[in-house]
């Protein structure tokens, strides 16, 4: 499969996760002072709230935090059902 590369502000999107209707992505630009970024993305082209990082590990950690927070938000606003019984009791 040969998918077209996604680029935003000279950063190639190298990872993405969708939580509910929100997409979070990690971009990479080897020529930038902070070569990695984590954005929230809407409609596949509208990138917001970039958090720029020095390493891929830092960008992935940011991605994990943002996905976790989005899951909590959706759960707390009852837009996402609990994953298991333990989550229902909290």
C-alpha atoms as a PDB file:
ATOM      1  CA  UNK A   1       0.000   0.000   0.000  1.00  0.00           C
ATOM      2  CA  UNK A   2       1.432   3.375  -1.013  1.00  0.00           C
ATOM      3  CA  UNK A   3      -0.186   6.137   1.041  1.00  0.00           C
ATOM      4  CA  UNK A   4       0.555   9.780   0.352  1.00  0.00           C
ATOM      5  CA  UNK A   5       2.715  11.470   2.987  1.00  0.00           C
ATOM      6  CA  UNK A   6       1.052  14.041   5.206  1.00  0.00           C
ATOM      7  CA  UNK A   7       3.063  17.215   5.753  1.00  0.00           C
ATOM      8  CA  UNK A   8       2.337  20.206   7.988  1.00  0.00           C
ATOM      9  CA  UNK A   9       4.732  23.146   8.400  1.00  0.00           C
ATOM     10  CA  UNK A  10       7.551  21.035   6.902  1.00  0.00           C
ATOM     11  CA  UNK A  11       6.930  18.244   9.447  1.00  0.00           C
ATOM     12  CA  UNK A  12       6.113  14.802   8.057  1.00  0.00           C
ATOM     13  CA  UNK A  13       3.381  13.083  10.054  1.00  0.00           C
ATOM     14  CA  UNK A  14       4.924   9.831  11.251  1.00  0.00           C
ATOM     15  CA  UNK A  15       2.345   8.632  13.808  1.00  0.00           C
ATOM     16  CA  UNK A  16      -1.305   9.236  14.521  1.00  0.00           C
ATOM     17  CA  UNK A  17      -4.005   8.113  16.929  1.00  0.00           C
ATOM     18  CA  UNK A  18      -7.714   8.767  16.900  1.00  0.00           C
ATOM     19  CA  UNK A  19      -9.647   9.094  20.147  1.00  0.00           C
ATOM     20  CA  UNK A  20     -13.348   9.682  19.595  1.00  0.00           C
ATOM     21  CA  UNK A  21     -13.477  12.356  16.903  1.00  0.00           C
ATOM     22  CA  UNK A  22     -10.052  13.816  17.796  1.00  0.00           C
ATOM     23  CA  UNK A  23      -6.835  12.848  16.033  1.00  0.00           C
ATOM     24  CA  UNK A  24      -3.423  13.373  17.591  1.00  0.00           C
ATOM     25  CA  UNK A  25      -0.291  13.179  15.458  1.00  0.00           C
ATOM     26  CA  UNK A  26       3.489  13.222  15.770  1.00  0.00           C
ATOM     27  CA  UNK A  27       5.440  15.044  13.089  1.00  0.00           C
ATOM     28  CA  UNK A  28       9.142  15.011  12.257  1.00  0.00           C
ATOM     29  CA  UNK A  29      11.347  17.627  10.597  1.00  0.00           C
ATOM     30  CA  UNK A  30      15.061  16.762  10.916  1.00  0.00           C
ATOM     31  CA  UNK A  31      16.041  20.361  10.057  1.00  0.00           C
ATOM     32  CA  UNK A  32      13.995  22.062  12.795  1.00  0.00           C
ATOM     33  CA  UNK A  33      15.452  23.171  16.154  1.00  0.00           C
ATOM     34  CA  UNK A  34      12.852  20.929  17.810  1.00  0.00           C
ATOM     35  CA  UNK A  35      12.577  18.152  15.236  1.00  0.00           C
ATOM     36  CA  UNK A  36       9.415  16.515  16.669  1.00  0.00           C
ATOM     37  CA  UNK A  37       5.961  17.896  17.339  1.00  0.00           C
ATOM     38  CA  UNK A  38       2.668  16.573  18.695  1.00  0.00           C
ATOM     39  CA  UNK A  39      -0.472  18.233  17.288  1.00  0.00           C
ATOM     40  CA  UNK A  40      -4.202  17.806  17.600  1.00  0.00           C
ATOM     41  CA  UNK A  41      -5.608  17.466  14.080  1.00  0.00           C
ATOM     42  CA  UNK A  42      -9.141  17.994  12.772  1.00  0.00           C
ATOM     43  CA  UNK A  43     -10.355  16.852   9.367  1.00  0.00           C
ATOM     44  CA  UNK A  44      -6.890  15.543   8.491  1.00  0.00           C
ATOM     45  CA  UNK A  45      -5.609  19.014   7.597  1.00  0.00           C
ATOM     46  CA  UNK A  46      -6.297  21.412  10.500  1.00  0.00           C
ATOM     47  CA  UNK A  47      -3.383  21.116  12.952  1.00  0.00           C
ATOM     48  CA  UNK A  48      -3.554  22.888  16.324  1.00  0.00           C
ATOM     49  CA  UNK A  49      -1.892  23.133  19.712  1.00  0.00           C
ATOM     50  CA  UNK A  50       1.567  21.997  18.620  1.00  0.00           C
ATOM     51  CA  UNK A  51       3.936  20.920  21.361  1.00  0.00           C
ATOM     52  CA  UNK A  52       7.454  20.795  20.010  1.00  0.00           C
ATOM     53  CA  UNK A  53      10.035  18.364  21.377  1.00  0.00           C
ATOM     54  CA  UNK A  54      13.726  17.478  20.931  1.00  0.00           C
ATOM     55  CA  UNK A  55      13.318  13.680  20.762  1.00  0.00           C
ATOM     56  CA  UNK A  56      10.889  11.140  19.379  1.00  0.00           C
ATOM     57  CA  UNK A  57      10.528   9.668  22.869  1.00  0.00           C
ATOM     58  CA  UNK A  58       9.406  13.057  24.228  1.00  0.00           C
ATOM     59  CA  UNK A  59       6.929  13.497  21.372  1.00  0.00           C
ATOM     60  CA  UNK A  60       5.508  10.008  21.929  1.00  0.00           C
ATOM     61  CA  UNK A  61       5.183  10.717  25.651  1.00  0.00           C
ATOM     62  CA  UNK A  62       3.260  13.900  24.783  1.00  0.00           C
ATOM     63  CA  UNK A  63       1.078  11.905  22.375  1.00  0.00           C
ATOM     64  CA  UNK A  64       0.310   9.382  25.119  1.00  0.00           C
ATOM     65  CA  UNK A  65      -0.572  12.131  27.601  1.00  0.00           C
ATOM     66  CA  UNK A  66      -2.874  13.891  25.153  1.00  0.00           C
ATOM     67  CA  UNK A  67      -4.616  10.643  24.194  1.00  0.00           C
ATOM     68  CA  UNK A  68      -5.050   9.722  27.865  1.00  0.00           C
ATOM     69  CA  UNK A  69      -6.483  13.159  28.646  1.00  0.00           C
ATOM     70  CA  UNK A  70      -8.881  12.981  25.692  1.00  0.00           C
ATOM     71  CA  UNK A  71     -10.101   9.542  26.826  1.00  0.00           C
ATOM     72  CA  UNK A  72     -10.701  10.894  30.331  1.00  0.00           C
ATOM     73  CA  UNK A  73     -12.545  13.901  28.956  1.00  0.00           C
ATOM     74  CA  UNK A  74     -14.784  11.718  26.801  1.00  0.00           C
ATOM     75  CA  UNK A  75     -15.402   9.334  29.689  1.00  0.00           C
ATOM     76  CA  UNK A  76     -16.157  12.163  32.121  1.00  0.00           C
ATOM     77  CA  UNK A  77     -18.583  13.779  29.673  1.00  0.00           C
ATOM     78  CA  UNK A  78     -20.101  10.363  29.029  1.00  0.00           C
ATOM     79  CA  UNK A  79     -19.136  10.380  25.361  1.00  0.00           C
ATOM     80  CA  UNK A  80     -17.039   7.231  25.717  1.00  0.00           C
ATOM     81  CA  UNK A  81     -18.118   4.135  27.661  1.00  0.00           C
ATOM     82  CA  UNK A  82     -15.782   2.766  30.351  1.00  0.00           C
ATOM     83  CA  UNK A  83     -13.369   0.146  29.095  1.00  0.00           C
ATOM     84  CA  UNK A  84     -13.813  -2.240  32.024  1.00  0.00           C
ATOM     85  CA  UNK A  85     -15.600  -2.639  35.345  1.00  0.00           C
ATOM     86  CA  UNK A  86     -12.825  -0.928  37.342  1.00  0.00           C
ATOM     87  CA  UNK A  87     -13.255   2.252  35.275  1.00  0.00           C
ATOM     88  CA  UNK A  88     -17.010   2.318  35.998  1.00  0.00           C
ATOM     89  CA  UNK A  89     -16.411   2.483  39.741  1.00  0.00           C
ATOM     90  CA  UNK A  90     -14.197   5.595  39.635  1.00  0.00           C
END
